[in-house]
N, C-alpha and C. Protein backbone atom coordinates (compact mmCIF):
# COMPACT_ATOMS: atom_id res chain seq x y z
N UNK A 1 -18.35 29.62 29.55
CA UNK A 1 -18.24 28.48 28.64
C UNK A 1 -18.24 26.78 29.08
N UNK A 2 -18.52 26.31 28.01
CA UNK A 2 -18.28 24.92 29.05
C UNK A 2 -16.84 24.48 28.32
N UNK A 3 -16.20 24.58 29.07
CA UNK A 3 -14.96 23.80 29.14
C UNK A 3 -14.57 22.64 28.35
N UNK A 4 -13.67 22.24 26.52
CA UNK A 4 -12.84 22.41 25.79
C UNK A 4 -11.62 21.00 26.05
N UNK A 5 -12.50 20.28 26.01
CA UNK A 5 -10.81 18.98 26.45
C UNK A 5 -9.37 20.46 25.77
N UNK A 6 -8.91 19.84 26.27
CA UNK A 6 -7.77 20.48 25.73
C UNK A 6 -6.96 19.33 24.61
N UNK A 7 -6.62 20.16 23.61
CA UNK A 7 -5.53 19.12 21.77
C UNK A 7 -4.42 18.28 22.73
N UNK A 8 -3.71 18.62 24.94
CA UNK A 8 -2.80 18.73 24.08
C UNK A 8 -2.93 16.95 25.14
N UNK A 9 -4.25 16.36 25.69
CA UNK A 9 -5.04 15.88 26.40
C UNK A 9 -3.96 13.64 25.45
N UNK A 10 -3.23 12.89 26.30
CA UNK A 10 -2.91 12.15 25.62
C UNK A 10 -4.22 11.17 24.27
N UNK A 11 -4.03 10.13 23.20
CA UNK A 11 -5.30 9.79 22.23
C UNK A 11 -5.56 7.95 23.65
N UNK A 12 -7.09 7.33 23.82
CA UNK A 12 -7.13 6.20 24.08
C UNK A 12 -6.30 5.11 23.84
N UNK A 13 -5.60 4.29 24.66
CA UNK A 13 -4.51 3.38 24.21
C UNK A 13 -5.68 2.40 23.96
N UNK A 14 -4.93 2.07 22.79
CA UNK A 14 -5.58 0.68 21.98
C UNK A 14 -4.57 -0.46 21.08
N UNK A 15 -4.89 -1.70 21.19
CA UNK A 15 -3.94 -2.91 20.76
C UNK A 15 -3.64 -1.91 19.14
N UNK A 16 -2.39 -2.87 19.58
CA UNK A 16 -1.52 -2.59 17.80
C UNK A 16 -2.05 -2.09 17.30
N UNK A 17 -1.05 -2.00 16.26
CA UNK A 17 -1.50 -1.02 14.94
C UNK A 17 -2.79 -0.79 14.89
N UNK A 18 -2.61 0.70 14.24
CA UNK A 18 -3.61 1.66 14.14
C UNK A 18 -4.73 1.12 12.97
N UNK A 19 -5.94 1.04 12.31
CA UNK A 19 -6.02 -0.08 11.64
C UNK A 19 -6.01 0.16 9.86
N UNK A 20 -5.56 1.95 9.60
CA UNK A 20 -5.73 2.93 8.10
C UNK A 20 -4.27 2.32 8.22
N UNK A 21 -2.73 2.95 8.98
CA UNK A 21 -2.13 2.05 9.09
C UNK A 21 -1.70 0.93 8.98
N UNK A 22 -2.49 -0.26 8.34
CA UNK A 22 -2.08 -1.65 8.65
C UNK A 22 -3.10 -1.61 7.58
N UNK A 23 -3.40 -0.95 6.71
CA UNK A 23 -3.87 -1.36 5.94
C UNK A 23 -3.52 -0.45 4.69
N UNK A 24 -3.08 1.04 5.08
CA UNK A 24 -2.61 1.16 4.25
C UNK A 24 -1.00 0.68 3.55
N UNK A 25 -0.64 0.32 4.63
CA UNK A 25 0.99 -0.73 4.38
C UNK A 25 1.15 -2.08 3.96
N UNK A 26 -0.17 -2.85 4.13
CA UNK A 26 -0.34 -3.61 3.41
C UNK A 26 -1.45 -3.55 1.36
N UNK A 27 -1.40 -2.37 1.81
CA UNK A 27 -1.82 -2.53 0.39
C UNK A 27 -0.70 -1.63 -0.74
N UNK A 28 0.66 -0.34 0.28
CA UNK A 28 1.34 -0.52 -0.35
C UNK A 28 2.43 -1.83 -0.25
N UNK A 29 2.31 -2.19 0.11
CA UNK A 29 2.89 -3.76 -0.35
C UNK A 29 2.12 -4.58 -1.83
N UNK A 30 1.30 -4.60 -1.71
CA UNK A 30 0.50 -5.46 -3.03
C UNK A 30 0.75 -4.22 -4.20
N UNK A 31 0.78 -3.30 -4.15
CA UNK A 31 0.27 -3.22 -4.68
C UNK A 31 2.08 -2.39 -5.38
N UNK A 32 3.46 -2.61 -4.60
CA UNK A 32 3.99 -2.85 -5.02
C UNK A 32 4.93 -4.18 -5.50
N UNK A 33 3.64 -5.19 -5.32
CA UNK A 33 4.47 -6.81 -6.05
C UNK A 33 3.88 -6.78 -7.78
N UNK A 34 2.48 -6.73 -7.67
CA UNK A 34 1.28 -5.91 -8.07
C UNK A 34 2.51 -4.99 -9.77
N UNK A 35 2.57 -3.74 -9.08
CA UNK A 35 3.77 -3.13 -10.06
C UNK A 35 4.69 -4.42 -11.31
N UNK A 36 5.52 -5.01 -9.67
CA UNK A 36 6.69 -6.02 -10.29
C UNK A 36 6.30 -6.89 -11.37
N UNK A 37 5.17 -7.19 -11.14
CA UNK A 37 5.37 -8.78 -11.55
C UNK A 37 4.48 -8.37 -13.00
N UNK A 38 4.25 -7.31 -12.75
CA UNK A 38 3.35 -6.51 -14.44
C UNK A 38 4.48 -6.25 -14.35
N UNK A 39 5.56 -6.02 -14.87
CA UNK A 39 6.00 -5.23 -15.33
C UNK A 39 7.36 -6.48 -16.22
N UNK A 40 7.46 -7.41 -14.63
CA UNK A 40 8.61 -8.45 -14.94
C UNK A 40 7.49 -9.31 -16.66
N UNK A 41 5.83 -9.48 -16.26
CA UNK A 41 4.97 -9.76 -17.15
C UNK A 41 5.60 -8.81 -18.92
N UNK A 42 5.12 -8.07 -19.10
CA UNK A 42 5.21 -6.57 -19.46
C UNK A 42 6.45 -7.22 -21.19
N UNK A 43 7.37 -7.67 -20.02
CA UNK A 43 8.59 -7.68 -20.71
C UNK A 43 8.37 -9.32 -20.84
N UNK A 44 7.69 -10.62 -20.81
CA UNK A 44 8.06 -11.20 -21.19
C UNK A 44 7.50 -11.10 -22.39
N UNK A 45 5.98 -10.61 -21.72
CA UNK A 45 5.52 -10.83 -23.53
C UNK A 45 6.09 -9.81 -24.34
N UNK A 46 6.62 -8.85 -24.36
CA UNK A 46 7.50 -8.14 -25.61
C UNK A 46 8.07 -9.13 -26.48
N UNK A 47 8.32 -10.01 -25.41
CA UNK A 47 9.86 -10.25 -25.58
C UNK A 47 9.28 -11.77 -26.41
N UNK A 48 8.46 -12.45 -25.87
CA UNK A 48 8.10 -13.12 -26.85
C UNK A 48 7.68 -12.76 -28.34
N UNK A 49 6.67 -11.80 -28.34
CA UNK A 49 5.91 -10.92 -29.49
C UNK A 49 6.91 -10.40 -30.43
N UNK A 50 7.84 -9.42 -29.63
CA UNK A 50 8.90 -9.86 -30.74
C UNK A 50 9.45 -10.95 -31.44
N UNK A 51 9.91 -11.92 -30.28
CA UNK A 51 10.81 -13.78 -31.52
C UNK A 51 9.42 -13.94 -31.97
N UNK A 52 8.44 -13.97 -31.69
CA UNK A 52 7.42 -14.47 -32.21
C UNK A 52 7.37 -14.05 -33.20
N UNK A 53 6.63 -12.60 -34.03
CA UNK A 53 6.45 -12.02 -34.52
C UNK A 53 7.78 -12.27 -36.49
N UNK A 54 9.35 -11.32 -35.02
CA UNK A 54 10.04 -11.05 -35.97
C UNK A 54 11.34 -12.53 -36.31
């Protein structure tokens, strides 16, 4: 039987955070900022429409 590498072997050392984790963090921050600014623009637009038409 060929010897398989045990799952307890330490992973290869790498520099900095993993790219997937870093991209996920950047995307979560970006999406939160976009959703917050979208909410603010929605409130401003709603206030503008109600004060202009009404």
